[in-house]
């Protein structure tokens, strides 16, 4: 679906994912599901449009993960 974002667990840890979801709480409603190999984020509503918010969310999450690895 267009409102879903699947994120590989090998690249994204749960702590960073939860931090990103919390940071976007004022912008979007994001539900998460956990599967064996990936996290699924479902964007239910957004002030900036679902596609743009998914893109910005993923960029923010990448930044969080990169900061953690330093």
PDB file of N, CA and C in Angstrom:
ATOM      1  N   UNK A   1       0.839  -1.197   0.000  1.00  0.00           N
ATOM      2  CA  UNK A   1       0.000   0.000   0.000  1.00  0.00           C
ATOM      3  C   UNK A   1       0.876   1.250   0.000  1.00  0.00           C
ATOM      4  N   UNK A   2       0.314   2.309  -0.451  1.00  0.00           N
ATOM      5  CA  UNK A   2       1.051   3.569  -0.538  1.00  0.00           C
ATOM      6  C   UNK A   2       1.344   4.200   0.816  1.00  0.00           C
ATOM      7  N   UNK A   3       0.632   3.791   1.840  1.00  0.00           N
ATOM      8  CA  UNK A   3       0.844   4.402   3.158  1.00  0.00           C
ATOM      9  C   UNK A   3       1.739   3.558   4.060  1.00  0.00           C
ATOM     10  N   UNK A   4       2.403   2.553   3.504  1.00  0.00           N
ATOM     11  CA  UNK A   4       3.260   1.683   4.295  1.00  0.00           C
ATOM     12  C   UNK A   4       4.731   1.869   3.928  1.00  0.00           C
ATOM     13  N   UNK A   5       5.578   1.719   4.931  1.00  0.00           N
ATOM     14  CA  UNK A   5       7.022   1.787   4.743  1.00  0.00           C
ATOM     15  C   UNK A   5       7.620   0.586   5.469  1.00  0.00           C
ATOM     16  N   UNK A   6       8.293  -0.288   4.718  1.00  0.00           N
ATOM     17  CA  UNK A   6       8.923  -1.464   5.292  1.00  0.00           C
ATOM     18  C   UNK A   6      10.411  -1.214   5.452  1.00  0.00           C
ATOM     19  N   UNK A   7      10.920  -1.466   6.656  1.00  0.00           N
ATOM     20  CA  UNK A   7      12.303  -1.153   7.001  1.00  0.00           C
ATOM     21  C   UNK A   7      13.018  -2.400   7.506  1.00  0.00           C
ATOM     22  N   UNK A   8      14.111  -2.735   6.881  1.00  0.00           N
ATOM     23  CA  UNK A   8      14.890  -3.925   7.206  1.00  0.00           C
ATOM     24  C   UNK A   8      15.476  -3.824   8.619  1.00  0.00           C
ATOM     25  N   UNK A   9      15.285  -4.860   9.423  1.00  0.00           N
ATOM     26  CA  UNK A   9      15.810  -4.869  10.786  1.00  0.00           C
ATOM     27  C   UNK A   9      17.333  -4.875  10.827  1.00  0.00           C
ATOM     28  N   UNK A  10      17.976  -5.340   9.776  1.00  0.00           N
ATOM     29  CA  UNK A  10      19.444  -5.327   9.733  1.00  0.00           C
ATOM     30  C   UNK A  10      19.987  -3.906   9.693  1.00  0.00           C
ATOM     31  N   UNK A  11      19.187  -2.981   9.193  1.00  0.00           N
ATOM     32  CA  UNK A  11      19.624  -1.588   9.053  1.00  0.00           C
ATOM     33  C   UNK A  11      19.075  -0.669  10.142  1.00  0.00           C
ATOM     34  N   UNK A  12      17.886  -0.970  10.639  1.00  0.00           N
ATOM     35  CA  UNK A  12      17.199  -0.069  11.562  1.00  0.00           C
ATOM     36  C   UNK A  12      16.876  -0.772  12.869  1.00  0.00           C
ATOM     37  N   UNK A  13      17.357  -0.220  13.982  1.00  0.00           N
ATOM     38  CA  UNK A  13      17.077  -0.805  15.287  1.00  0.00           C
ATOM     39  C   UNK A  13      15.783  -0.227  15.867  1.00  0.00           C
ATOM     40  N   UNK A  14      15.209  -0.958  16.799  1.00  0.00           N
ATOM     41  CA  UNK A  14      13.922  -0.571  17.375  1.00  0.00           C
ATOM     42  C   UNK A  14      13.990   0.764  18.107  1.00  0.00           C
ATOM     43  N   UNK A  15      15.062   1.001  18.836  1.00  0.00           N
ATOM     44  CA  UNK A  15      15.190   2.247  19.595  1.00  0.00           C
ATOM     45  C   UNK A  15      15.167   3.464  18.666  1.00  0.00           C
ATOM     46  N   UNK A  16      15.901   3.398  17.582  1.00  0.00           N
ATOM     47  CA  UNK A  16      15.915   4.508  16.615  1.00  0.00           C
ATOM     48  C   UNK A  16      14.551   4.676  15.961  1.00  0.00           C
ATOM     49  N   UNK A  17      13.910   3.567  15.636  1.00  0.00           N
ATOM     50  CA  UNK A  17      12.580   3.631  15.027  1.00  0.00           C
ATOM     51  C   UNK A  17      11.590   4.310  15.960  1.00  0.00           C
ATOM     52  N   UNK A  18      11.591   3.917  17.229  1.00  0.00           N
ATOM     53  CA  UNK A  18      10.658   4.511  18.197  1.00  0.00           C
ATOM     54  C   UNK A  18      10.944   5.996  18.413  1.00  0.00           C
ATOM     55  N   UNK A  19      12.222   6.346  18.391  1.00  0.00           N
ATOM     56  CA  UNK A  19      12.601   7.756  18.534  1.00  0.00           C
ATOM     57  C   UNK A  19      12.086   8.569  17.346  1.00  0.00           C
ATOM     58  N   UNK A  20      12.188   8.027  16.153  1.00  0.00           N
ATOM     59  CA  UNK A  20      11.694   8.717  14.954  1.00  0.00           C
ATOM     60  C   UNK A  20      10.177   8.848  14.984  1.00  0.00           C
ATOM     61  N   UNK A  21       9.485   7.793  15.384  1.00  0.00           N
ATOM     62  CA  UNK A  21       8.019   7.843  15.483  1.00  0.00           C
ATOM     63  C   UNK A  21       7.606   8.921  16.481  1.00  0.00           C
ATOM     64  N   UNK A  22       8.288   8.991  17.608  1.00  0.00           N
ATOM     65  CA  UNK A  22       7.974  10.012  18.622  1.00  0.00           C
ATOM     66  C   UNK A  22       8.235  11.420  18.085  1.00  0.00           C
ATOM     67  N   UNK A  23       9.328  11.585  17.342  1.00  0.00           N
ATOM     68  CA  UNK A  23       9.664  12.895  16.785  1.00  0.00           C
ATOM     69  C   UNK A  23       8.626  13.357  15.765  1.00  0.00           C
ATOM     70  N   UNK A  24       7.995  12.421  15.078  1.00  0.00           N
ATOM     71  CA  UNK A  24       7.006  12.758  14.056  1.00  0.00           C
ATOM     72  C   UNK A  24       5.578  12.777  14.589  1.00  0.00           C
ATOM     73  N   UNK A  25       5.404  12.591  15.886  1.00  0.00           N
ATOM     74  CA  UNK A  25       4.066  12.503  16.476  1.00  0.00           C
ATOM     75  C   UNK A  25       3.211  13.742  16.215  1.00  0.00           C
ATOM     76  N   UNK A  26       3.827  14.904  16.144  1.00  0.00           N
ATOM     77  CA  UNK A  26       3.076  16.124  15.877  1.00  0.00           C
ATOM     78  C   UNK A  26       2.777  16.346  14.401  1.00  0.00           C
ATOM     79  N   UNK A  27       3.358  15.535  13.554  1.00  0.00           N
ATOM     80  CA  UNK A  27       3.216  15.679  12.105  1.00  0.00           C
ATOM     81  C   UNK A  27       2.323  14.594  11.514  1.00  0.00           C
ATOM     82  N   UNK A  28       2.436  13.380  12.058  1.00  0.00           N
ATOM     83  CA  UNK A  28       1.735  12.245  11.455  1.00  0.00           C
ATOM     84  C   UNK A  28       1.330  11.219  12.499  1.00  0.00           C
ATOM     85  N   UNK A  29       0.355  10.416  12.131  1.00  0.00           N
ATOM     86  CA  UNK A  29      -0.018   9.252  12.926  1.00  0.00           C
ATOM     87  C   UNK A  29       0.642   8.055  12.253  1.00  0.00           C
ATOM     88  N   UNK A  30       1.563   7.424  12.990  1.00  0.00           N
ATOM     89  CA  UNK A  30       2.337   6.307  12.441  1.00  0.00           C
ATOM     90  C   UNK A  30       2.185   5.109  13.367  1.00  0.00           C
ATOM     91  N   UNK A  31       1.675   4.024  12.841  1.00  0.00           N
ATOM     92  CA  UNK A  31       1.566   2.768  13.582  1.00  0.00           C
ATOM     93  C   UNK A  31       2.683   1.846  13.125  1.00  0.00           C
ATOM     94  N   UNK A  32       3.208   1.042  14.046  1.00  0.00           N
ATOM     95  CA  UNK A  32       4.294   0.131  13.704  1.00  0.00           C
ATOM     96  C   UNK A  32       3.867  -1.314  13.938  1.00  0.00           C
ATOM     97  N   UNK A  33       4.386  -2.172  13.065  1.00  0.00           N
ATOM     98  CA  UNK A  33       4.218  -3.615  13.241  1.00  0.00           C
ATOM     99  C   UNK A  33       5.596  -4.238  13.104  1.00  0.00           C
ATOM    100  N   UNK A  34       5.811  -5.290  13.860  1.00  0.00           N
ATOM    101  CA  UNK A  34       7.095  -5.977  13.810  1.00  0.00           C
ATOM    102  C   UNK A  34       6.922  -7.344  13.156  1.00  0.00           C
ATOM    103  N   UNK A  35       7.762  -7.609  12.199  1.00  0.00           N
ATOM    104  CA  UNK A  35       7.805  -8.906  11.543  1.00  0.00           C
ATOM    105  C   UNK A  35       9.199  -9.497  11.750  1.00  0.00           C
ATOM    106  N   UNK A  36       9.396 -10.700  11.322  1.00  0.00           N
ATOM    107  CA  UNK A  36      10.666 -11.390  11.561  1.00  0.00           C
ATOM    108  C   UNK A  36      11.865 -10.592  11.053  1.00  0.00           C
ATOM    109  N   UNK A  37      11.796 -10.094   9.818  1.00  0.00           N
ATOM    110  CA  UNK A  37      12.941  -9.447   9.180  1.00  0.00           C
ATOM    111  C   UNK A  37      12.811  -7.938   8.989  1.00  0.00           C
ATOM    112  N   UNK A  38      11.644  -7.408   9.268  1.00  0.00           N
ATOM    113  CA  UNK A  38      11.460  -5.978   9.008  1.00  0.00           C
ATOM    114  C   UNK A  38      10.427  -5.358   9.937  1.00  0.00           C
ATOM    115  N   UNK A  39      10.529  -4.024  10.018  1.00  0.00           N
ATOM    116  CA  UNK A  39       9.540  -3.209  10.709  1.00  0.00           C
ATOM    117  C   UNK A  39       8.608  -2.657   9.637  1.00  0.00           C
ATOM    118  N   UNK A  40       7.349  -2.568   9.936  1.00  0.00           N
ATOM    119  CA  UNK A  40       6.407  -1.944   9.021  1.00  0.00           C
ATOM    120  C   UNK A  40       5.816  -0.721   9.704  1.00  0.00           C
ATOM    121  N   UNK A  41       5.935   0.410   9.042  1.00  0.00           N
ATOM    122  CA  UNK A  41       5.327   1.645   9.532  1.00  0.00           C
ATOM    123  C   UNK A  41       4.147   1.956   8.627  1.00  0.00           C
ATOM    124  N   UNK A  42       3.011   2.187   9.240  1.00  0.00           N
ATOM    125  CA  UNK A  42       1.798   2.506   8.504  1.00  0.00           C
ATOM    126  C   UNK A  42       1.430   3.952   8.828  1.00  0.00           C
ATOM    127  N   UNK A  43       1.418   4.770   7.811  1.00  0.00           N
ATOM    128  CA  UNK A  43       1.127   6.200   7.952  1.00  0.00           C
ATOM    129  C   UNK A  43      -0.368   6.404   7.741  1.00  0.00           C
ATOM    130  N   UNK A  44      -1.059   6.742   8.830  1.00  0.00           N
ATOM    131  CA  UNK A  44      -2.512   6.861   8.784  1.00  0.00           C
ATOM    132  C   UNK A  44      -2.986   8.275   8.469  1.00  0.00           C
ATOM    133  N   UNK A  45      -2.192   9.257   8.830  1.00  0.00           N
ATOM    134  CA  UNK A  45      -2.557  10.649   8.580  1.00  0.00           C
ATOM    135  C   UNK A  45      -1.288  11.486   8.651  1.00  0.00           C
ATOM    136  N   UNK A  46      -1.273  12.588   7.921  1.00  0.00           N
ATOM    137  CA  UNK A  46      -0.111  13.467   7.943  1.00  0.00           C
ATOM    138  C   UNK A  46      -0.497  14.885   7.559  1.00  0.00           C
ATOM    139  N   UNK A  47       0.150  15.834   8.191  1.00  0.00           N
ATOM    140  CA  UNK A  47      -0.085  17.245   7.867  1.00  0.00           C
ATOM    141  C   UNK A  47       0.549  17.636   6.534  1.00  0.00           C
ATOM    142  N   UNK A  48       1.571  16.897   6.105  1.00  0.00           N
ATOM    143  CA  UNK A  48       2.322  17.255   4.901  1.00  0.00           C
ATOM    144  C   UNK A  48       2.093  16.283   3.744  1.00  0.00           C
ATOM    145  N   UNK A  49       1.136  15.400   3.847  1.00  0.00           N
ATOM    146  CA  UNK A  49       0.906  14.391   2.824  1.00  0.00           C
ATOM    147  C   UNK A  49       1.692  13.131   3.131  1.00  0.00           C
ATOM    148  N   UNK A  50       1.092  11.999   2.868  1.00  0.00           N
ATOM    149  CA  UNK A  50       1.676  10.710   3.225  1.00  0.00           C
ATOM    150  C   UNK A  50       3.016  10.475   2.521  1.00  0.00           C
ATOM    151  N   UNK A  51       3.080  10.663   1.218  1.00  0.00           N
ATOM    152  CA  UNK A  51       4.321  10.375   0.483  1.00  0.00           C
ATOM    153  C   UNK A  51       5.490  11.219   0.970  1.00  0.00           C
ATOM    154  N   UNK A  52       5.256  12.492   1.129  1.00  0.00           N
ATOM    155  CA  UNK A  52       6.333  13.375   1.595  1.00  0.00           C
ATOM    156  C   UNK A  52       6.756  13.008   3.022  1.00  0.00           C
ATOM    157  N   UNK A  53       5.791  12.711   3.865  1.00  0.00           N
ATOM    158  CA  UNK A  53       6.099  12.365   5.251  1.00  0.00           C
ATOM    159  C   UNK A  53       6.883  11.053   5.332  1.00  0.00           C
ATOM    160  N   UNK A  54       6.508  10.061   4.535  1.00  0.00           N
ATOM    161  CA  UNK A  54       7.256   8.801   4.504  1.00  0.00           C
ATOM    162  C   UNK A  54       8.710   9.058   4.111  1.00  0.00           C
ATOM    163  N   UNK A  55       8.911   9.871   3.108  1.00  0.00           N
ATOM    164  CA  UNK A  55      10.267  10.191   2.639  1.00  0.00           C
ATOM    165  C   UNK A  55      11.073  10.901   3.733  1.00  0.00           C
ATOM    166  N   UNK A  56      10.494  11.911   4.348  1.00  0.00           N
ATOM    167  CA  UNK A  56      11.178  12.654   5.402  1.00  0.00           C
ATOM    168  C   UNK A  56      11.425  11.784   6.634  1.00  0.00           C
ATOM    169  N   UNK A  57      10.469  10.931   6.957  1.00  0.00           N
ATOM    170  CA  UNK A  57      10.610  10.015   8.090  1.00  0.00           C
ATOM    171  C   UNK A  57      11.790   9.075   7.866  1.00  0.00           C
ATOM    172  N   UNK A  58      11.880   8.506   6.687  1.00  0.00           N
ATOM    173  CA  UNK A  58      12.982   7.583   6.396  1.00  0.00           C
ATOM    174  C   UNK A  58      14.324   8.308   6.444  1.00  0.00           C
ATOM    175  N   UNK A  59      14.389   9.517   5.908  1.00  0.00           N
ATOM    176  CA  UNK A  59      15.623  10.300   5.981  1.00  0.00           C
ATOM    177  C   UNK A  59      16.008  10.590   7.431  1.00  0.00           C
ATOM    178  N   UNK A  60      15.034  10.955   8.245  1.00  0.00           N
ATOM    179  CA  UNK A  60      15.291  11.232   9.662  1.00  0.00           C
ATOM    180  C   UNK A  60      15.789   9.972  10.367  1.00  0.00           C
ATOM    181  N   UNK A  61      15.167   8.848  10.082  1.00  0.00           N
ATOM    182  CA  UNK A  61      15.572   7.583  10.689  1.00  0.00           C
ATOM    183  C   UNK A  61      16.999   7.207  10.288  1.00  0.00           C
ATOM    184  N   UNK A  62      17.338   7.402   9.044  1.00  0.00           N
ATOM    185  CA  UNK A  62      18.708   7.141   8.582  1.00  0.00           C
ATOM    186  C   UNK A  62      19.691   8.013   9.356  1.00  0.00           C
ATOM    187  N   UNK A  63      19.343   9.261   9.558  1.00  0.00           N
ATOM    188  CA  UNK A  63      20.194  10.172  10.309  1.00  0.00           C
ATOM    189  C   UNK A  63      20.379   9.699  11.749  1.00  0.00           C
ATOM    190  N   UNK A  64      19.317   9.245  12.382  1.00  0.00           N
ATOM    191  CA  UNK A  64      19.403   8.734  13.755  1.00  0.00           C
ATOM    192  C   UNK A  64      20.335   7.518  13.830  1.00  0.00           C
ATOM    193  N   UNK A  65      20.186   6.613  12.898  1.00  0.00           N
ATOM    194  CA  UNK A  65      21.006   5.402  12.885  1.00  0.00           C
ATOM    195  C   UNK A  65      22.479   5.766  12.656  1.00  0.00           C
ATOM    196  N   UNK A  66      22.727   6.710  11.756  1.00  0.00           N
ATOM    197  CA  UNK A  66      24.103   7.138  11.491  1.00  0.00           C
ATOM    198  C   UNK A  66      24.726   7.811  12.717  1.00  0.00           C
ATOM    199  N   UNK A  67      23.965   8.592  13.442  1.00  0.00           N
ATOM    200  CA  UNK A  67      24.464   9.235  14.650  1.00  0.00           C
ATOM    201  C   UNK A  67      24.804   8.203  15.720  1.00  0.00           C
ATOM    202  N   UNK A  68      23.998   7.184  15.802  1.00  0.00           N
ATOM    203  CA  UNK A  68      24.215   6.130  16.804  1.00  0.00           C
ATOM    204  C   UNK A  68      25.502   5.359  16.532  1.00  0.00           C
ATOM    205  N   UNK A  69      25.854   5.202  15.266  1.00  0.00           N
ATOM    206  CA  UNK A  69      27.019   4.413  14.901  1.00  0.00           C
ATOM    207  C   UNK A  69      28.332   5.154  15.120  1.00  0.00           C
ATOM    208  N   UNK A  70      28.289   6.417  15.400  1.00  0.00           N
ATOM    209  CA  UNK A  70      29.516   7.201  15.612  1.00  0.00           C
ATOM    210  C   UNK A  70      30.133   6.922  16.944  1.00  0.00           C
TER     211      UNK A  70
END
